[in-house]
Amino acid sequence: MLTWIIVILLVLWLVGAFGPGISSRIPRSGNAIHTLLVIVVILIILNLLNVI
């Protein structure tokens, strides 16, 4: 379950980071991209440490 959350957050981060350059229909998300990245990194670290 946690792996799927990490994958979904990474995909959303990639769409937010590179989407506006590919398609003008995708809005720029600004700080949300960085927030998603921080959440993904924290979840990966917690997963590696077997805390979750």
N, C-alpha and C. Protein backbone atom coordinates (compact mmCIF):
# COMPACT_ATOMS: atom_id res chain seq x y z
N MET A 1 0.83 -1.20 0.00
CA MET A 1 0.00 0.00 0.00
C MET A 1 0.87 1.26 0.00
N LEU A 2 1.88 1.27 0.85
CA LEU A 2 2.76 2.43 0.91
C LEU A 2 3.51 2.63 -0.41
N THR A 3 3.87 1.52 -1.03
CA THR A 3 4.57 1.61 -2.31
C THR A 3 3.70 2.30 -3.36
N TRP A 4 2.42 1.98 -3.37
CA TRP A 4 1.51 2.62 -4.33
C TRP A 4 1.35 4.11 -4.06
N ILE A 5 1.32 4.48 -2.80
CA ILE A 5 1.23 5.91 -2.45
C ILE A 5 2.48 6.64 -2.93
N ILE A 6 3.64 6.02 -2.73
CA ILE A 6 4.90 6.63 -3.18
C ILE A 6 4.90 6.78 -4.70
N VAL A 7 4.46 5.74 -5.41
CA VAL A 7 4.43 5.79 -6.87
C VAL A 7 3.47 6.87 -7.36
N ILE A 8 2.30 6.95 -6.76
CA ILE A 8 1.31 7.96 -7.17
C ILE A 8 1.84 9.37 -6.92
N LEU A 9 2.47 9.59 -5.77
CA LEU A 9 3.02 10.91 -5.47
C LEU A 9 4.16 11.27 -6.42
N LEU A 10 4.99 10.29 -6.77
CA LEU A 10 6.07 10.55 -7.74
C LEU A 10 5.51 10.90 -9.11
N VAL A 11 4.48 10.19 -9.53
CA VAL A 11 3.87 10.49 -10.84
C VAL A 11 3.26 11.89 -10.83
N LEU A 12 2.56 12.23 -9.75
CA LEU A 12 1.98 13.58 -9.66
C LEU A 12 3.06 14.64 -9.67
N TRP A 13 4.18 14.36 -8.99
CA TRP A 13 5.29 15.30 -8.97
C TRP A 13 5.87 15.47 -10.37
N LEU A 14 6.05 14.38 -11.09
CA LEU A 14 6.59 14.46 -12.45
C LEU A 14 5.65 15.22 -13.39
N VAL A 15 4.36 14.98 -13.26
CA VAL A 15 3.39 15.71 -14.09
C VAL A 15 3.42 17.19 -13.76
N GLY A 16 3.51 17.52 -12.49
CA GLY A 16 3.57 18.93 -12.10
C GLY A 16 4.86 19.60 -12.51
N ALA A 17 5.95 18.85 -12.48
CA ALA A 17 7.25 19.43 -12.81
C ALA A 17 7.44 19.61 -14.31
N PHE A 18 7.05 18.60 -15.09
CA PHE A 18 7.34 18.63 -16.52
C PHE A 18 6.10 18.79 -17.40
N GLY A 19 4.92 18.72 -16.80
CA GLY A 19 3.68 18.83 -17.57
C GLY A 19 3.49 20.15 -18.29
N PRO A 20 3.73 21.29 -17.62
CA PRO A 20 3.51 22.57 -18.30
C PRO A 20 4.42 22.77 -19.51
N GLY A 21 5.58 22.17 -19.51
CA GLY A 21 6.46 22.27 -20.67
C GLY A 21 5.98 21.43 -21.84
N ILE A 22 5.25 20.37 -21.53
CA ILE A 22 4.76 19.46 -22.57
C ILE A 22 3.41 19.92 -23.10
N SER A 23 2.51 20.29 -22.22
CA SER A 23 1.17 20.71 -22.61
C SER A 23 0.79 21.98 -21.85
N SER A 24 0.25 22.94 -22.56
CA SER A 24 -0.14 24.19 -21.90
C SER A 24 -1.43 24.04 -21.10
N ARG A 25 -2.11 22.91 -21.24
CA ARG A 25 -3.36 22.68 -20.49
C ARG A 25 -3.09 22.32 -19.04
N ILE A 26 -1.85 21.87 -18.73
CA ILE A 26 -1.51 21.51 -17.36
C ILE A 26 -1.01 22.76 -16.65
N PRO A 27 -1.67 23.15 -15.57
CA PRO A 27 -1.26 24.40 -14.90
C PRO A 27 0.05 24.24 -14.13
N ARG A 28 0.73 25.35 -13.93
CA ARG A 28 1.94 25.34 -13.11
C ARG A 28 1.50 25.22 -11.65
N SER A 29 2.21 24.36 -10.90
CA SER A 29 1.75 24.08 -9.54
C SER A 29 2.64 24.68 -8.46
N GLY A 30 3.81 25.20 -8.81
CA GLY A 30 4.64 25.91 -7.85
C GLY A 30 5.09 25.09 -6.66
N ASN A 31 4.71 25.53 -5.47
CA ASN A 31 5.18 24.88 -4.24
C ASN A 31 4.62 23.49 -4.04
N ALA A 32 3.54 23.16 -4.67
CA ALA A 32 2.96 21.82 -4.51
C ALA A 32 3.92 20.74 -4.99
N ILE A 33 4.69 21.05 -6.02
CA ILE A 33 5.67 20.10 -6.53
C ILE A 33 6.69 19.77 -5.46
N HIS A 34 7.20 20.79 -4.80
CA HIS A 34 8.21 20.58 -3.78
C HIS A 34 7.63 19.88 -2.56
N THR A 35 6.40 20.17 -2.23
CA THR A 35 5.75 19.50 -1.12
C THR A 35 5.60 18.01 -1.39
N LEU A 36 5.16 17.67 -2.61
CA LEU A 36 5.03 16.26 -2.98
C LEU A 36 6.38 15.56 -2.95
N LEU A 37 7.42 16.22 -3.42
CA LEU A 37 8.75 15.63 -3.41
C LEU A 37 9.23 15.35 -1.99
N VAL A 38 9.01 16.28 -1.09
CA VAL A 38 9.41 16.09 0.31
C VAL A 38 8.63 14.93 0.94
N ILE A 39 7.35 14.84 0.67
CA ILE A 39 6.53 13.74 1.20
C ILE A 39 7.05 12.40 0.67
N VAL A 40 7.35 12.34 -0.61
CA VAL A 40 7.85 11.09 -1.21
C VAL A 40 9.19 10.70 -0.59
N VAL A 41 10.09 11.64 -0.42
CA VAL A 41 11.40 11.33 0.16
C VAL A 41 11.24 10.83 1.60
N ILE A 42 10.39 11.47 2.37
CA ILE A 42 10.16 11.04 3.75
C ILE A 42 9.57 9.64 3.79
N LEU A 43 8.60 9.35 2.93
CA LEU A 43 8.01 8.02 2.90
C LEU A 43 9.01 6.96 2.48
N ILE A 44 9.87 7.27 1.53
CA ILE A 44 10.89 6.31 1.11
C ILE A 44 11.87 6.03 2.24
N ILE A 45 12.30 7.07 2.94
CA ILE A 45 13.24 6.89 4.06
C ILE A 45 12.59 6.06 5.17
N LEU A 46 11.35 6.37 5.51
CA LEU A 46 10.66 5.61 6.54
C LEU A 46 10.45 4.16 6.12
N ASN A 47 10.21 3.95 4.85
CA ASN A 47 10.04 2.59 4.34
C ASN A 47 11.36 1.82 4.40
N LEU A 48 12.45 2.48 4.08
CA LEU A 48 13.77 1.82 4.13
C LEU A 48 14.17 1.49 5.57
N LEU A 49 13.78 2.31 6.50
CA LEU A 49 14.09 2.08 7.91
C LEU A 49 13.09 1.13 8.58
N ASN A 50 12.12 0.67 7.82
CA ASN A 50 11.07 -0.24 8.32
C ASN A 50 10.30 0.36 9.49
N VAL A 51 10.12 1.67 9.48
CA VAL A 51 9.31 2.33 10.50
C VAL A 51 7.84 2.16 10.18
N ILE A 52 7.52 2.18 8.91
CA ILE A 52 6.12 2.04 8.47
C ILE A 52 5.89 0.62 8.01
